[in-house]
């Protein structure tokens, strides 16, 4: 019973953060919810490993990032296509402090210009504040790959930013 309570406590404490980071990866609240649901299911399936790991947060974030990358690798005809506009803010959550800091619509539009791996690297490094080594471990690549992807992604973001000169 204690492990079930630990799992529920672990997930409840991180659910909003996972949802926000999933949204930044995919730019769609509905897909973000699906990704988080898949990630929670996988965390539950591997809870004993997650619990015993040195950094359970990074382990769970790795699962979420891999869910996103798996979704992006699906054949285009199997993916749902979103239509309509991106909401300026997400649904009301208990933790709204990040919404004061980030203007999500311009950020989401800028992140759309990046490929899925670059987008995941930038979100993990600069939004979730993971180190290069932690990001490399989560994405399953070398630290130099993370640095290269982040460098190219930031350069592309600078070039596409409406405030760039």
C-alpha atoms as a PDB file:
ATOM      1  CA  UNK A   1       0.000   0.000   0.000  1.00  0.00           C
ATOM      2  CA  UNK A   2       2.871   2.379   0.756  1.00  0.00           C
ATOM      3  CA  UNK A   3       4.263   2.100  -2.767  1.00  0.00           C
ATOM      4  CA  UNK A   4       0.855   2.997  -4.229  1.00  0.00           C
ATOM      5  CA  UNK A   5       0.663   6.040  -1.973  1.00  0.00           C
ATOM      6  CA  UNK A   6       4.232   6.977  -2.909  1.00  0.00           C
ATOM      7  CA  UNK A   7       3.360   6.708  -6.598  1.00  0.00           C
ATOM      8  CA  UNK A   8       0.243   8.871  -6.222  1.00  0.00           C
ATOM      9  CA  UNK A   9       2.166  11.477  -4.228  1.00  0.00           C
ATOM     10  CA  UNK A  10       5.013  11.486  -6.764  1.00  0.00           C
ATOM     11  CA  UNK A  11       2.688  11.938  -9.740  1.00  0.00           C
ATOM     12  CA  UNK A  12       0.422  14.508  -8.075  1.00  0.00           C
ATOM     13  CA  UNK A  13       3.393  16.703  -7.178  1.00  0.00           C
ATOM     14  CA  UNK A  14       4.695  16.727 -10.767  1.00  0.00           C
ATOM     15  CA  UNK A  15       1.614  16.503 -12.963  1.00  0.00           C
ATOM     16  CA  UNK A  16       1.281  20.231 -13.704  1.00  0.00           C
ATOM     17  CA  UNK A  17       4.967  20.542 -14.553  1.00  0.00           C
ATOM     18  CA  UNK A  18       4.816  17.517 -16.873  1.00  0.00           C
ATOM     19  CA  UNK A  19       1.740  18.924 -18.563  1.00  0.00           C
ATOM     20  CA  UNK A  20       3.366  22.319 -19.165  1.00  0.00           C
ATOM     21  CA  UNK A  21       6.559  20.773 -20.512  1.00  0.00           C
ATOM     22  CA  UNK A  22       4.564  18.387 -22.742  1.00  0.00           C
ATOM     23  CA  UNK A  23       2.621  21.376 -24.084  1.00  0.00           C
ATOM     24  CA  UNK A  24       5.845  23.198 -24.897  1.00  0.00           C
ATOM     25  CA  UNK A  25       7.058  20.121 -26.772  1.00  0.00           C
ATOM     26  CA  UNK A  26       3.927  19.524 -28.831  1.00  0.00           C
ATOM     27  CA  UNK A  27       2.082  22.898 -28.795  1.00  0.00           C
ATOM     28  CA  UNK A  28      -1.281  21.201 -28.254  1.00  0.00           C
ATOM     29  CA  UNK A  29      -3.005  20.875 -24.871  1.00  0.00           C
ATOM     30  CA  UNK A  30      -4.913  17.753 -25.912  1.00  0.00           C
ATOM     31  CA  UNK A  31      -1.821  15.969 -27.185  1.00  0.00           C
ATOM     32  CA  UNK A  32       0.045  17.152 -24.081  1.00  0.00           C
ATOM     33  CA  UNK A  33      -2.620  15.486 -21.930  1.00  0.00           C
ATOM     34  CA  UNK A  34      -2.262  12.293 -23.983  1.00  0.00           C
ATOM     35  CA  UNK A  35       1.517  12.354 -23.638  1.00  0.00           C
ATOM     36  CA  UNK A  36       1.301  12.900 -19.900  1.00  0.00           C
ATOM     37  CA  UNK A  37      -1.232  10.086 -19.625  1.00  0.00           C
ATOM     38  CA  UNK A  38       1.093   7.748 -21.517  1.00  0.00           C
ATOM     39  CA  UNK A  39       4.026   8.840 -19.375  1.00  0.00           C
ATOM     40  CA  UNK A  40       2.097   8.316 -16.127  1.00  0.00           C
ATOM     41  CA  UNK A  41       1.107   4.859 -17.318  1.00  0.00           C
ATOM     42  CA  UNK A  42       4.743   3.999 -18.088  1.00  0.00           C
ATOM     43  CA  UNK A  43       5.948   5.456 -14.792  1.00  0.00           C
ATOM     44  CA  UNK A  44       3.368   3.266 -13.052  1.00  0.00           C
ATOM     45  CA  UNK A  45       4.478   0.189 -15.000  1.00  0.00           C
ATOM     46  CA  UNK A  46       8.104   0.820 -14.047  1.00  0.00           C
ATOM     47  CA  UNK A  47       7.480   2.365 -10.620  1.00  0.00           C
ATOM     48  CA  UNK A  48       9.903   0.101  -8.788  1.00  0.00           C
ATOM     49  CA  UNK A  49      12.724   1.201 -11.143  1.00  0.00           C
ATOM     50  CA  UNK A  50      11.692   4.853 -11.022  1.00  0.00           C
ATOM     51  CA  UNK A  51      11.554   4.814  -7.227  1.00  0.00           C
ATOM     52  CA  UNK A  52      15.005   3.191  -6.912  1.00  0.00           C
ATOM     53  CA  UNK A  53      16.717   5.477  -9.430  1.00  0.00           C
ATOM     54  CA  UNK A  54      19.149   8.167  -8.331  1.00  0.00           C
ATOM     55  CA  UNK A  55      16.939  10.899  -9.788  1.00  0.00           C
ATOM     56  CA  UNK A  56      13.266   9.857 -10.116  1.00  0.00           C
ATOM     57  CA  UNK A  57      12.342  13.262 -11.585  1.00  0.00           C
ATOM     58  CA  UNK A  58      14.805  12.882 -14.447  1.00  0.00           C
ATOM     59  CA  UNK A  59      13.689   9.274 -14.996  1.00  0.00           C
ATOM     60  CA  UNK A  60      10.052  10.364 -15.297  1.00  0.00           C
ATOM     61  CA  UNK A  61      10.970  13.313 -17.528  1.00  0.00           C
ATOM     62  CA  UNK A  62      12.913  10.915 -19.743  1.00  0.00           C
ATOM     63  CA  UNK A  63       9.780   8.804 -20.095  1.00  0.00           C
ATOM     64  CA  UNK A  64       7.757  11.893 -21.055  1.00  0.00           C
ATOM     65  CA  UNK A  65      10.359  13.051 -23.598  1.00  0.00           C
ATOM     66  CA  UNK A  66      10.467   9.598 -25.143  1.00  0.00           C
ATOM     67  CA  UNK A  67       6.668   9.539 -25.376  1.00  0.00           C
ATOM     68  CA  UNK A  68       6.889  12.799 -27.335  1.00  0.00           C
ATOM     69  CA  UNK A  69       9.633  11.528 -29.631  1.00  0.00           C
ATOM     70  CA  UNK A  70       7.703   8.299 -30.234  1.00  0.00           C
ATOM     71  CA  UNK A  71       4.623  10.333 -31.131  1.00  0.00           C
ATOM     72  CA  UNK A  72       6.642  12.396 -33.609  1.00  0.00           C
ATOM     73  CA  UNK A  73       8.003   9.262 -35.282  1.00  0.00           C
ATOM     74  CA  UNK A  74       4.526   7.924 -36.024  1.00  0.00           C
ATOM     75  CA  UNK A  75       3.559   7.877 -39.643  1.00  0.00           C
ATOM     76  CA  UNK A  76       1.863  11.157 -40.593  1.00  0.00           C
ATOM     77  CA  UNK A  77      -1.400   9.437 -41.546  1.00  0.00           C
ATOM     78  CA  UNK A  78      -1.681   7.884 -38.069  1.00  0.00           C
ATOM     79  CA  UNK A  79      -1.360  11.200 -36.242  1.00  0.00           C
ATOM     80  CA  UNK A  80      -4.310  13.373 -35.418  1.00  0.00           C
ATOM     81  CA  UNK A  81      -4.228  16.767 -37.028  1.00  0.00           C
ATOM     82  CA  UNK A  82      -5.048  19.737 -34.908  1.00  0.00           C
ATOM     83  CA  UNK A  83      -6.994  22.660 -36.247  1.00  0.00           C
ATOM     84  CA  UNK A  84      -7.941  25.953 -34.723  1.00  0.00           C
ATOM     85  CA  UNK A  85      -5.870  28.340 -32.704  1.00  0.00           C
ATOM     86  CA  UNK A  86      -3.582  27.700 -29.794  1.00  0.00           C
ATOM     87  CA  UNK A  87      -5.037  29.037 -26.532  1.00  0.00           C
ATOM     88  CA  UNK A  88      -3.171  31.901 -24.943  1.00  0.00           C
ATOM     89  CA  UNK A  89      -3.169  30.094 -21.618  1.00  0.00           C
ATOM     90  CA  UNK A  90      -3.999  26.597 -20.549  1.00  0.00           C
ATOM     91  CA  UNK A  91      -6.751  25.571 -18.208  1.00  0.00           C
ATOM     92  CA  UNK A  92      -6.697  26.886 -14.667  1.00  0.00           C
ATOM     93  CA  UNK A  93      -4.176  24.953 -12.584  1.00  0.00           C
ATOM     94  CA  UNK A  94      -3.026  25.096  -9.009  1.00  0.00           C
ATOM     95  CA  UNK A  95       0.421  26.362 -10.022  1.00  0.00           C
ATOM     96  CA  UNK A  96       0.000  29.489 -12.136  1.00  0.00           C
ATOM     97  CA  UNK A  97       3.310  31.178 -11.279  1.00  0.00           C
ATOM     98  CA  UNK A  98       4.967  30.055 -14.530  1.00  0.00           C
ATOM     99  CA  UNK A  99       2.187  31.667 -16.548  1.00  0.00           C
ATOM    100  CA  UNK A 100       3.199  35.076 -15.225  1.00  0.00           C
ATOM    101  CA  UNK A 101       6.744  34.564 -16.454  1.00  0.00           C
ATOM    102  CA  UNK A 102       6.183  33.034 -19.875  1.00  0.00           C
ATOM    103  CA  UNK A 103       4.066  34.476 -22.633  1.00  0.00           C
ATOM    104  CA  UNK A 104       3.066  31.099 -24.014  1.00  0.00           C
ATOM    105  CA  UNK A 105       1.646  31.975 -27.389  1.00  0.00           C
ATOM    106  CA  UNK A 106       4.805  33.585 -28.811  1.00  0.00           C
ATOM    107  CA  UNK A 107       6.951  30.914 -27.142  1.00  0.00           C
ATOM    108  CA  UNK A 108       4.828  28.117 -28.591  1.00  0.00           C
ATOM    109  CA  UNK A 109       4.968  29.702 -32.048  1.00  0.00           C
ATOM    110  CA  UNK A 110       8.739  29.983 -31.854  1.00  0.00           C
ATOM    111  CA  UNK A 111       9.131  26.400 -30.638  1.00  0.00           C
ATOM    112  CA  UNK A 112       7.048  25.190 -33.603  1.00  0.00           C
ATOM    113  CA  UNK A 113       9.909  26.198 -35.876  1.00  0.00           C
ATOM    114  CA  UNK A 114      12.208  23.619 -34.259  1.00  0.00           C
ATOM    115  CA  UNK A 115      12.384  19.931 -34.986  1.00  0.00           C
ATOM    116  CA  UNK A 116      11.185  17.529 -32.266  1.00  0.00           C
ATOM    117  CA  UNK A 117      14.655  16.659 -30.924  1.00  0.00           C
ATOM    118  CA  UNK A 118      15.802  20.283 -30.856  1.00  0.00           C
ATOM    119  CA  UNK A 119      12.543  21.310 -29.209  1.00  0.00           C
ATOM    120  CA  UNK A 120      12.909  18.595 -26.549  1.00  0.00           C
ATOM    121  CA  UNK A 121      16.535  19.582 -25.905  1.00  0.00           C
ATOM    122  CA  UNK A 122      15.688  23.280 -25.517  1.00  0.00           C
ATOM    123  CA  UNK A 123      12.746  22.591 -23.202  1.00  0.00           C
ATOM    124  CA  UNK A 124      14.746  20.221 -21.023  1.00  0.00           C
ATOM    125  CA  UNK A 125      17.781  22.529 -20.853  1.00  0.00           C
ATOM    126  CA  UNK A 126      16.237  25.976 -20.572  1.00  0.00           C
ATOM    127  CA  UNK A 127      12.651  25.547 -19.395  1.00  0.00           C
ATOM    128  CA  UNK A 128      13.097  22.609 -17.004  1.00  0.00           C
ATOM    129  CA  UNK A 129      16.689  23.621 -16.187  1.00  0.00           C
ATOM    130  CA  UNK A 130      18.343  20.211 -16.573  1.00  0.00           C
ATOM    131  CA  UNK A 131      22.112  20.066 -17.059  1.00  0.00           C
ATOM    132  CA  UNK A 132      23.628  19.067 -20.384  1.00  0.00           C
ATOM    133  CA  UNK A 133      24.457  15.620 -18.985  1.00  0.00           C
ATOM    134  CA  UNK A 134      20.956  15.096 -17.556  1.00  0.00           C
ATOM    135  CA  UNK A 135      19.384  16.207 -20.846  1.00  0.00           C
ATOM    136  CA  UNK A 136      21.660  13.834 -22.759  1.00  0.00           C
ATOM    137  CA  UNK A 137      20.636  10.982 -20.473  1.00  0.00           C
ATOM    138  CA  UNK A 138      16.946  11.776 -20.874  1.00  0.00           C
ATOM    139  CA  UNK A 139      17.161  11.990 -24.669  1.00  0.00           C
ATOM    140  CA  UNK A 140      19.571   9.073 -25.000  1.00  0.00           C
ATOM    141  CA  UNK A 141      22.251  11.054 -26.837  1.00  0.00           C
ATOM    142  CA  UNK A 142      25.734  12.325 -26.024  1.00  0.00           C
ATOM    143  CA  UNK A 143      26.291  15.635 -24.212  1.00  0.00           C
ATOM    144  CA  UNK A 144      27.951  17.070 -27.334  1.00  0.00           C
ATOM    145  CA  UNK A 145      24.797  16.278 -29.320  1.00  0.00           C
ATOM    146  CA  UNK A 146      22.715  18.171 -26.750  1.00  0.00           C
ATOM    147  CA  UNK A 147      25.053  21.160 -26.903  1.00  0.00           C
ATOM    148  CA  UNK A 148      24.956  21.141 -30.709  1.00  0.00           C
ATOM    149  CA  UNK A 149      21.175  20.815 -30.870  1.00  0.00           C
ATOM    150  CA  UNK A 150      20.709  23.606 -28.337  1.00  0.00           C
ATOM    151  CA  UNK A 151      23.177  25.874 -30.138  1.00  0.00           C
ATOM    152  CA  UNK A 152      21.481  25.379 -33.514  1.00  0.00           C
ATOM    153  CA  UNK A 153      18.009  25.656 -31.965  1.00  0.00           C
ATOM    154  CA  UNK A 154      18.831  28.904 -30.144  1.00  0.00           C
ATOM    155  CA  UNK A 155      20.345  30.340 -33.322  1.00  0.00           C
ATOM    156  CA  UNK A 156      17.199  29.412 -35.242  1.00  0.00           C
ATOM    157  CA  UNK A 157      15.007  30.913 -32.505  1.00  0.00           C
ATOM    158  CA  UNK A 158      17.019  34.136 -32.603  1.00  0.00           C
ATOM    159  CA  UNK A 159      16.633  34.327 -36.373  1.00  0.00           C
ATOM    160  CA  UNK A 160      12.871  33.693 -36.288  1.00  0.00           C
ATOM    161  CA  UNK A 161      12.106  35.787 -33.211  1.00  0.00           C
ATOM    162  CA  UNK A 162       9.938  38.824 -33.987  1.00  0.00           C
ATOM    163  CA  UNK A 163      12.241  40.963 -31.804  1.00  0.00           C
ATOM    164  CA  UNK A 164      15.426  39.955 -33.643  1.00  0.00           C
ATOM    165  CA  UNK A 165      17.079  42.636 -35.765  1.00  0.00           C
END
